[in-house]
Amino acid sequence: MGTIVYTLSKEFFWLVVIANLLAWVPAIYFLNNWLDGFVFRTGFNLWIYALTALVSVLIAIITVGSQAGRAAGLNSTKALKWE
């Protein structure tokens, strides 16, 4: 059961990391353009992007892990009987 959860979590981990990296570029660009319009401009820290990436990876791992663990724990003969 552990290897199934690990394999699925690993695949989704990389997909979430790639999605975060692709989302950072337009987010930084549009945030800079938006903040330029204010008189009192404030900066933004890049650690916020790392924190959001960490949170999204944790949510993905918890979700995939729980679903894979539940599916791996099912009795396959009962599932095949209904198919």
PDB file of N, CA and C in Angstrom:
ATOM      1  N   MET A   1       0.828  -1.184   0.000  1.00  0.00           N
ATOM      2  CA  MET A   1       0.000   0.000   0.000  1.00  0.00           C
ATOM      3  C   MET A   1       0.876   1.253   0.000  1.00  0.00           C
ATOM      4  N   GLY A   2       1.979   1.229   0.691  1.00  0.00           N
ATOM      5  CA  GLY A   2       2.847   2.389   0.781  1.00  0.00           C
ATOM      6  C   GLY A   2       3.478   2.776  -0.542  1.00  0.00           C
ATOM      7  N   THR A   3       3.824   1.773  -1.352  1.00  0.00           N
ATOM      8  CA  THR A   3       4.459   2.085  -2.633  1.00  0.00           C
ATOM      9  C   THR A   3       3.470   2.710  -3.616  1.00  0.00           C
ATOM     10  N   ILE A   4       2.218   2.301  -3.552  1.00  0.00           N
ATOM     11  CA  ILE A   4       1.198   2.889  -4.425  1.00  0.00           C
ATOM     12  C   ILE A   4       0.997   4.358  -4.065  1.00  0.00           C
ATOM     13  N   VAL A   5       0.882   4.635  -2.784  1.00  0.00           N
ATOM     14  CA  VAL A   5       0.689   6.010  -2.331  1.00  0.00           C
ATOM     15  C   VAL A   5       1.905   6.853  -2.689  1.00  0.00           C
ATOM     16  N   TYR A   6       3.103   6.309  -2.493  1.00  0.00           N
ATOM     17  CA  TYR A   6       4.333   7.038  -2.810  1.00  0.00           C
ATOM     18  C   TYR A   6       4.429   7.353  -4.302  1.00  0.00           C
ATOM     19  N   THR A   7       4.134   6.374  -5.143  1.00  0.00           N
ATOM     20  CA  THR A   7       4.236   6.565  -6.586  1.00  0.00           C
ATOM     21  C   THR A   7       3.259   7.629  -7.073  1.00  0.00           C
ATOM     22  N   LEU A   8       2.011   7.540  -6.639  1.00  0.00           N
ATOM     23  CA  LEU A   8       1.019   8.529  -7.072  1.00  0.00           C
ATOM     24  C   LEU A   8       1.326   9.913  -6.517  1.00  0.00           C
ATOM     25  N   SER A   9       1.760   9.980  -5.269  1.00  0.00           N
ATOM     26  CA  SER A   9       2.090  11.267  -4.671  1.00  0.00           C
ATOM     27  C   SER A   9       3.277  11.905  -5.370  1.00  0.00           C
ATOM     28  N   LYS A  10       4.263  11.092  -5.764  1.00  0.00           N
ATOM     29  CA  LYS A  10       5.445  11.615  -6.442  1.00  0.00           C
ATOM     30  C   LYS A  10       5.066  12.223  -7.790  1.00  0.00           C
ATOM     31  N   GLU A  11       4.192  11.562  -8.522  1.00  0.00           N
ATOM     32  CA  GLU A  11       3.772  12.082  -9.827  1.00  0.00           C
ATOM     33  C   GLU A  11       3.023  13.408  -9.674  1.00  0.00           C
ATOM     34  N   PHE A  12       2.098  13.469  -8.728  1.00  0.00           N
ATOM     35  CA  PHE A  12       1.350  14.698  -8.537  1.00  0.00           C
ATOM     36  C   PHE A  12       2.212  15.803  -7.938  1.00  0.00           C
ATOM     37  N   PHE A  13       3.215  15.445  -7.137  1.00  0.00           N
ATOM     38  CA  PHE A  13       4.127  16.436  -6.577  1.00  0.00           C
ATOM     39  C   PHE A  13       4.803  17.224  -7.689  1.00  0.00           C
ATOM     40  N   TRP A  14       5.329  16.528  -8.681  1.00  0.00           N
ATOM     41  CA  TRP A  14       6.036  17.213  -9.764  1.00  0.00           C
ATOM     42  C   TRP A  14       5.081  18.039 -10.618  1.00  0.00           C
ATOM     43  N   LEU A  15       3.859  17.565 -10.804  1.00  0.00           N
ATOM     44  CA  LEU A  15       2.882  18.350 -11.558  1.00  0.00           C
ATOM     45  C   LEU A  15       2.532  19.650 -10.829  1.00  0.00           C
ATOM     46  N   VAL A  16       2.388  19.583  -9.524  1.00  0.00           N
ATOM     47  CA  VAL A  16       2.072  20.784  -8.748  1.00  0.00           C
ATOM     48  C   VAL A  16       3.254  21.748  -8.730  1.00  0.00           C
ATOM     49  N   VAL A  17       4.470  21.235  -8.643  1.00  0.00           N
ATOM     50  CA  VAL A  17       5.655  22.094  -8.666  1.00  0.00           C
ATOM     51  C   VAL A  17       5.766  22.811 -10.015  1.00  0.00           C
ATOM     52  N   ILE A  18       5.560  22.097 -11.104  1.00  0.00           N
ATOM     53  CA  ILE A  18       5.622  22.714 -12.435  1.00  0.00           C
ATOM     54  C   ILE A  18       4.514  23.755 -12.594  1.00  0.00           C
ATOM     55  N   ALA A  19       3.320  23.456 -12.098  1.00  0.00           N
ATOM     56  CA  ALA A  19       2.217  24.412 -12.181  1.00  0.00           C
ATOM     57  C   ALA A  19       2.534  25.677 -11.389  1.00  0.00           C
ATOM     58  N   ASN A  20       3.165  25.533 -10.233  1.00  0.00           N
ATOM     59  CA  ASN A  20       3.543  26.696  -9.445  1.00  0.00           C
ATOM     60  C   ASN A  20       4.578  27.541 -10.169  1.00  0.00           C
ATOM     61  N   LEU A  21       5.571  26.897 -10.751  1.00  0.00           N
ATOM     62  CA  LEU A  21       6.599  27.645 -11.469  1.00  0.00           C
ATOM     63  C   LEU A  21       6.017  28.382 -12.670  1.00  0.00           C
ATOM     64  N   LEU A  22       5.080  27.755 -13.366  1.00  0.00           N
ATOM     65  CA  LEU A  22       4.439  28.415 -14.502  1.00  0.00           C
ATOM     66  C   LEU A  22       3.537  29.566 -14.057  1.00  0.00           C
ATOM     67  N   ALA A  23       2.978  29.485 -12.879  1.00  0.00           N
ATOM     68  CA  ALA A  23       2.081  30.530 -12.395  1.00  0.00           C
ATOM     69  C   ALA A  23       2.844  31.716 -11.817  1.00  0.00           C
ATOM     70  N   TRP A  24       4.064  31.509 -11.362  1.00  0.00           N
ATOM     71  CA  TRP A  24       4.823  32.598 -10.749  1.00  0.00           C
ATOM     72  C   TRP A  24       5.155  33.704 -11.740  1.00  0.00           C
ATOM     73  N   VAL A  25       5.493  33.358 -12.957  1.00  0.00           N
ATOM     74  CA  VAL A  25       5.931  34.360 -13.944  1.00  0.00           C
ATOM     75  C   VAL A  25       4.833  35.394 -14.210  1.00  0.00           C
ATOM     76  N   PRO A  26       3.619  35.002 -14.598  1.00  0.00           N
ATOM     77  CA  PRO A  26       2.597  36.041 -14.810  1.00  0.00           C
ATOM     78  C   PRO A  26       2.175  36.718 -13.507  1.00  0.00           C
ATOM     79  N   ALA A  27       2.217  35.999 -12.400  1.00  0.00           N
ATOM     80  CA  ALA A  27       1.831  36.611 -11.127  1.00  0.00           C
ATOM     81  C   ALA A  27       2.793  37.733 -10.755  1.00  0.00           C
ATOM     82  N   ILE A  28       4.075  37.518 -10.892  1.00  0.00           N
ATOM     83  CA  ILE A  28       5.056  38.558 -10.581  1.00  0.00           C
ATOM     84  C   ILE A  28       4.917  39.720 -11.554  1.00  0.00           C
ATOM     85  N   TYR A  29       4.728  39.428 -12.822  1.00  0.00           N
ATOM     86  CA  TYR A  29       4.588  40.483 -13.832  1.00  0.00           C
ATOM     87  C   TYR A  29       3.369  41.367 -13.553  1.00  0.00           C
ATOM     88  N   PHE A  30       2.208  40.742 -13.372  1.00  0.00           N
ATOM     89  CA  PHE A  30       0.997  41.514 -13.151  1.00  0.00           C
ATOM     90  C   PHE A  30       1.005  42.215 -11.793  1.00  0.00           C
ATOM     91  N   LEU A  31       1.614  41.620 -10.809  1.00  0.00           N
ATOM     92  CA  LEU A  31       1.694  42.261  -9.503  1.00  0.00           C
ATOM     93  C   LEU A  31       2.568  43.504  -9.567  1.00  0.00           C
ATOM     94  N   ASN A  32       3.682  43.428 -10.274  1.00  0.00           N
ATOM     95  CA  ASN A  32       4.525  44.613 -10.442  1.00  0.00           C
ATOM     96  C   ASN A  32       3.791  45.715 -11.188  1.00  0.00           C
ATOM     97  N   ASN A  33       3.077  45.371 -12.266  1.00  0.00           N
ATOM     98  CA  ASN A  33       2.322  46.377 -13.015  1.00  0.00           C
ATOM     99  C   ASN A  33       1.214  46.997 -12.173  1.00  0.00           C
ATOM    100  N   TRP A  34       0.557  46.195 -11.377  1.00  0.00           N
ATOM    101  CA  TRP A  34      -0.530  46.691 -10.544  1.00  0.00           C
ATOM    102  C   TRP A  34      -0.002  47.604  -9.447  1.00  0.00           C
ATOM    103  N   LEU A  35       1.116  47.218  -8.823  1.00  0.00           N
ATOM    104  CA  LEU A  35       1.674  48.028  -7.744  1.00  0.00           C
ATOM    105  C   LEU A  35       2.281  49.332  -8.248  1.00  0.00           C
ATOM    106  N   ASP A  36       2.672  49.400  -9.519  1.00  0.00           N
ATOM    107  CA  ASP A  36       3.215  50.635 -10.080  1.00  0.00           C
ATOM    108  C   ASP A  36       2.174  51.750 -10.140  1.00  0.00           C
ATOM    109  N   GLY A  37       0.915  51.415 -10.127  1.00  0.00           N
ATOM    110  CA  GLY A  37      -0.143  52.408 -10.206  1.00  0.00           C
ATOM    111  C   GLY A  37      -0.428  53.122  -8.900  1.00  0.00           C
ATOM    112  N   PHE A  38       0.155  52.712  -7.817  1.00  0.00           N
ATOM    113  CA  PHE A  38      -0.099  53.324  -6.523  1.00  0.00           C
ATOM    114  C   PHE A  38       0.968  54.363  -6.200  1.00  0.00           C
ATOM    115  N   VAL A  39       0.556  55.409  -5.485  1.00  0.00           N
ATOM    116  CA  VAL A  39       1.502  56.451  -5.101  1.00  0.00           C
ATOM    117  C   VAL A  39       2.471  55.910  -4.053  1.00  0.00           C
ATOM    118  N   PHE A  40       1.936  55.278  -3.050  1.00  0.00           N
ATOM    119  CA  PHE A  40       2.760  54.682  -2.005  1.00  0.00           C
ATOM    120  C   PHE A  40       2.968  53.213  -2.347  1.00  0.00           C
ATOM    121  N   ARG A  41       3.988  52.953  -3.108  1.00  0.00           N
ATOM    122  CA  ARG A  41       4.241  51.589  -3.591  1.00  0.00           C
ATOM    123  C   ARG A  41       4.872  50.750  -2.494  1.00  0.00           C
ATOM    124  N   THR A  42       4.381  49.588  -2.355  1.00  0.00           N
ATOM    125  CA  THR A  42       4.959  48.636  -1.414  1.00  0.00           C
ATOM    126  C   THR A  42       5.594  47.504  -2.195  1.00  0.00           C
ATOM    127  N   GLY A  43       6.582  46.916  -1.623  1.00  0.00           N
ATOM    128  CA  GLY A  43       7.238  45.795  -2.276  1.00  0.00           C
ATOM    129  C   GLY A  43       6.576  44.480  -1.898  1.00  0.00           C
ATOM    130  N   PHE A  44       6.995  43.441  -2.532  1.00  0.00           N
ATOM    131  CA  PHE A  44       6.491  42.119  -2.178  1.00  0.00           C
ATOM    132  C   PHE A  44       7.689  41.188  -2.036  1.00  0.00           C
ATOM    133  N   ASN A  45       7.526  40.236  -1.174  1.00  0.00           N
ATOM    134  CA  ASN A  45       8.603  39.290  -0.895  1.00  0.00           C
ATOM    135  C   ASN A  45       8.399  38.004  -1.681  1.00  0.00           C
ATOM    136  N   LEU A  46       9.501  37.443  -2.127  1.00  0.00           N
ATOM    137  CA  LEU A  46       9.410  36.194  -2.875  1.00  0.00           C
ATOM    138  C   LEU A  46       9.137  34.991  -1.977  1.00  0.00           C
ATOM    139  N   TRP A  47       9.312  35.135  -0.669  1.00  0.00           N
ATOM    140  CA  TRP A  47       9.040  34.010   0.222  1.00  0.00           C
ATOM    141  C   TRP A  47       7.548  33.679   0.231  1.00  0.00           C
ATOM    142  N   ILE A  48       6.711  34.642  -0.129  1.00  0.00           N
ATOM    143  CA  ILE A  48       5.269  34.374  -0.187  1.00  0.00           C
ATOM    144  C   ILE A  48       4.972  33.357  -1.282  1.00  0.00           C
ATOM    145  N   TYR A  49       5.692  33.448  -2.402  1.00  0.00           N
ATOM    146  CA  TYR A  49       5.508  32.480  -3.477  1.00  0.00           C
ATOM    147  C   TYR A  49       5.960  31.088  -3.048  1.00  0.00           C
ATOM    148  N   ALA A  50       7.056  31.033  -2.319  1.00  0.00           N
ATOM    149  CA  ALA A  50       7.533  29.739  -1.811  1.00  0.00           C
ATOM    150  C   ALA A  50       6.538  29.148  -0.813  1.00  0.00           C
ATOM    151  N   LEU A  51       5.957  29.999   0.023  1.00  0.00           N
ATOM    152  CA  LEU A  51       4.968  29.523   0.996  1.00  0.00           C
ATOM    153  C   LEU A  51       3.718  28.993   0.303  1.00  0.00           C
ATOM    154  N   THR A  52       3.249  29.697  -0.724  1.00  0.00           N
ATOM    155  CA  THR A  52       2.068  29.217  -1.441  1.00  0.00           C
ATOM    156  C   THR A  52       2.365  27.914  -2.187  1.00  0.00           C
ATOM    157  N   ALA A  53       3.587  27.791  -2.702  1.00  0.00           N
ATOM    158  CA  ALA A  53       3.961  26.534  -3.360  1.00  0.00           C
ATOM    159  C   ALA A  53       3.980  25.396  -2.355  1.00  0.00           C
ATOM    160  N   LEU A  54       4.514  25.652  -1.170  1.00  0.00           N
ATOM    161  CA  LEU A  54       4.559  24.618  -0.129  1.00  0.00           C
ATOM    162  C   LEU A  54       3.159  24.203   0.290  1.00  0.00           C
ATOM    163  N   VAL A  55       2.279  25.160   0.458  1.00  0.00           N
ATOM    164  CA  VAL A  55       0.907  24.844   0.860  1.00  0.00           C
ATOM    165  C   VAL A  55       0.192  24.043  -0.233  1.00  0.00           C
ATOM    166  N   SER A  56       0.360  24.441  -1.488  1.00  0.00           N
ATOM    167  CA  SER A  56      -0.309  23.709  -2.563  1.00  0.00           C
ATOM    168  C   SER A  56       0.252  22.297  -2.712  1.00  0.00           C
ATOM    169  N   VAL A  57       1.555  22.126  -2.502  1.00  0.00           N
ATOM    170  CA  VAL A  57       2.139  20.784  -2.561  1.00  0.00           C
ATOM    171  C   VAL A  57       1.612  19.934  -1.409  1.00  0.00           C
ATOM    172  N   LEU A  58       1.518  20.505  -0.225  1.00  0.00           N
ATOM    173  CA  LEU A  58       0.996  19.746   0.921  1.00  0.00           C
ATOM    174  C   LEU A  58      -0.464  19.342   0.698  1.00  0.00           C
ATOM    175  N   ILE A  59      -1.262  20.235   0.174  1.00  0.00           N
ATOM    176  CA  ILE A  59      -2.669  19.902  -0.106  1.00  0.00           C
ATOM    177  C   ILE A  59      -2.754  18.784  -1.138  1.00  0.00           C
ATOM    178  N   ALA A  60      -1.931  18.858  -2.180  1.00  0.00           N
ATOM    179  CA  ALA A  60      -1.951  17.819  -3.213  1.00  0.00           C
ATOM    180  C   ALA A  60      -1.511  16.477  -2.654  1.00  0.00           C
ATOM    181  N   ILE A  61      -0.462  16.462  -1.840  1.00  0.00           N
ATOM    182  CA  ILE A  61       0.032  15.203  -1.283  1.00  0.00           C
ATOM    183  C   ILE A  61      -0.980  14.598  -0.319  1.00  0.00           C
ATOM    184  N   ILE A  62      -1.594  15.429   0.493  1.00  0.00           N
ATOM    185  CA  ILE A  62      -2.601  14.915   1.433  1.00  0.00           C
ATOM    186  C   ILE A  62      -3.802  14.359   0.672  1.00  0.00           C
ATOM    187  N   THR A  63      -4.254  15.072  -0.344  1.00  0.00           N
ATOM    188  CA  THR A  63      -5.415  14.624  -1.112  1.00  0.00           C
ATOM    189  C   THR A  63      -5.125  13.332  -1.862  1.00  0.00           C
ATOM    190  N   VAL A  64      -4.016  13.308  -2.598  1.00  0.00           N
ATOM    191  CA  VAL A  64      -3.674  12.113  -3.376  1.00  0.00           C
ATOM    192  C   VAL A  64      -3.362  10.949  -2.451  1.00  0.00           C
ATOM    193  N   GLY A  65      -2.670  11.222  -1.364  1.00  0.00           N
ATOM    194  CA  GLY A  65      -2.332  10.154  -0.424  1.00  0.00           C
ATOM    195  C   GLY A  65      -3.550   9.526   0.213  1.00  0.00           C
ATOM    196  N   SER A  66      -4.511  10.357   0.590  1.00  0.00           N
ATOM    197  CA  SER A  66      -5.714   9.799   1.211  1.00  0.00           C
ATOM    198  C   SER A  66      -6.542   9.003   0.205  1.00  0.00           C
ATOM    199  N   GLN A  67      -6.673   9.516  -1.013  1.00  0.00           N
ATOM    200  CA  GLN A  67      -7.433   8.793  -2.032  1.00  0.00           C
ATOM    201  C   GLN A  67      -6.742   7.492  -2.440  1.00  0.00           C
ATOM    202  N   ALA A  68      -5.426   7.537  -2.606  1.00  0.00           N
ATOM    203  CA  ALA A  68      -4.688   6.325  -2.982  1.00  0.00           C
ATOM    204  C   ALA A  68      -4.689   5.317  -1.848  1.00  0.00           C
ATOM    205  N   GLY A  69      -4.572   5.787  -0.623  1.00  0.00           N
ATOM    206  CA  GLY A  69      -4.614   4.882   0.525  1.00  0.00           C
ATOM    207  C   GLY A  69      -5.960   4.209   0.670  1.00  0.00           C
ATOM    208  N   ARG A  70      -7.006   4.965   0.427  1.00  0.00           N
ATOM    209  CA  ARG A  70      -8.348   4.377   0.504  1.00  0.00           C
ATOM    210  C   ARG A  70      -8.549   3.363  -0.618  1.00  0.00           C
ATOM    211  N   ALA A  71      -8.087   3.686  -1.821  1.00  0.00           N
ATOM    212  CA  ALA A  71      -8.238   2.760  -2.950  1.00  0.00           C
ATOM    213  C   ALA A  71      -7.382   1.518  -2.760  1.00  0.00           C
ATOM    214  N   ALA A  72      -6.187   1.667  -2.194  1.00  0.00           N
ATOM    215  CA  ALA A  72      -5.314   0.513  -1.990  1.00  0.00           C
ATOM    216  C   ALA A  72      -5.833  -0.393  -0.879  1.00  0.00           C
ATOM    217  N   GLY A  73      -6.585   0.174   0.042  1.00  0.00           N
ATOM    218  CA  GLY A  73      -7.108  -0.615   1.141  1.00  0.00           C
ATOM    219  C   GLY A  73      -8.377  -1.368   0.823  1.00  0.00           C
ATOM    220  N   LEU A  74      -8.971  -1.110  -0.323  1.00  0.00           N
ATOM    221  CA  LEU A  74     -10.206  -1.799  -0.700  1.00  0.00           C
ATOM    222  C   LEU A  74      -9.922  -3.245  -1.089  1.00  0.00           C
ATOM    223  N   ASN A  75     -10.902  -4.055  -0.898  1.00  0.00           N
ATOM    224  CA  ASN A  75     -10.801  -5.451  -1.297  1.00  0.00           C
ATOM    225  C   ASN A  75     -11.062  -5.526  -2.801  1.00  0.00           C
ATOM    226  N   SER A  76     -10.063  -5.930  -3.549  1.00  0.00           N
ATOM    227  CA  SER A  76     -10.185  -5.920  -5.015  1.00  0.00           C
ATOM    228  C   SER A  76     -11.177  -6.963  -5.522  1.00  0.00           C
ATOM    229  N   THR A  77     -11.360  -8.035  -4.804  1.00  0.00           N
ATOM    230  CA  THR A  77     -12.303  -9.047  -5.278  1.00  0.00           C
ATOM    231  C   THR A  77     -13.735  -8.536  -5.201  1.00  0.00           C
ATOM    232  N   LYS A  78     -14.038  -7.764  -4.189  1.00  0.00           N
ATOM    233  CA  LYS A  78     -15.383  -7.186  -4.103  1.00  0.00           C
ATOM    234  C   LYS A  78     -15.591  -6.147  -5.192  1.00  0.00           C
ATOM    235  N   ALA A  79     -14.555  -5.380  -5.498  1.00  0.00           N
ATOM    236  CA  ALA A  79     -14.678  -4.374  -6.551  1.00  0.00           C
ATOM    237  C   ALA A  79     -14.873  -5.037  -7.910  1.00  0.00           C
ATOM    238  N   LEU A  80     -14.141  -6.124  -8.170  1.00  0.00           N
ATOM    239  CA  LEU A  80     -14.264  -6.816  -9.451  1.00  0.00           C
ATOM    240  C   LEU A  80     -15.588  -7.561  -9.568  1.00  0.00           C
ATOM    241  N   LYS A  81     -16.154  -7.954  -8.442  1.00  0.00           N
ATOM    242  CA  LYS A  81     -17.427  -8.678  -8.473  1.00  0.00           C
ATOM    243  C   LYS A  81     -18.533  -7.786  -9.022  1.00  0.00           C
ATOM    244  N   TRP A  82     -18.467  -6.491  -8.748  1.00  0.00           N
ATOM    245  CA  TRP A  82     -19.508  -5.580  -9.191  1.00  0.00           C
ATOM    246  C   TRP A  82     -19.266  -5.058 -10.601  1.00  0.00           C
ATOM    247  N   GLU A  83     -18.099  -5.277 -11.157  1.00  0.00           N
ATOM    248  CA  GLU A  83     -17.780  -4.766 -12.505  1.00  0.00           C
ATOM    249  C   GLU A  83     -18.347  -5.648 -13.587  1.00  0.00           C
TER     250      GLU A  83
END
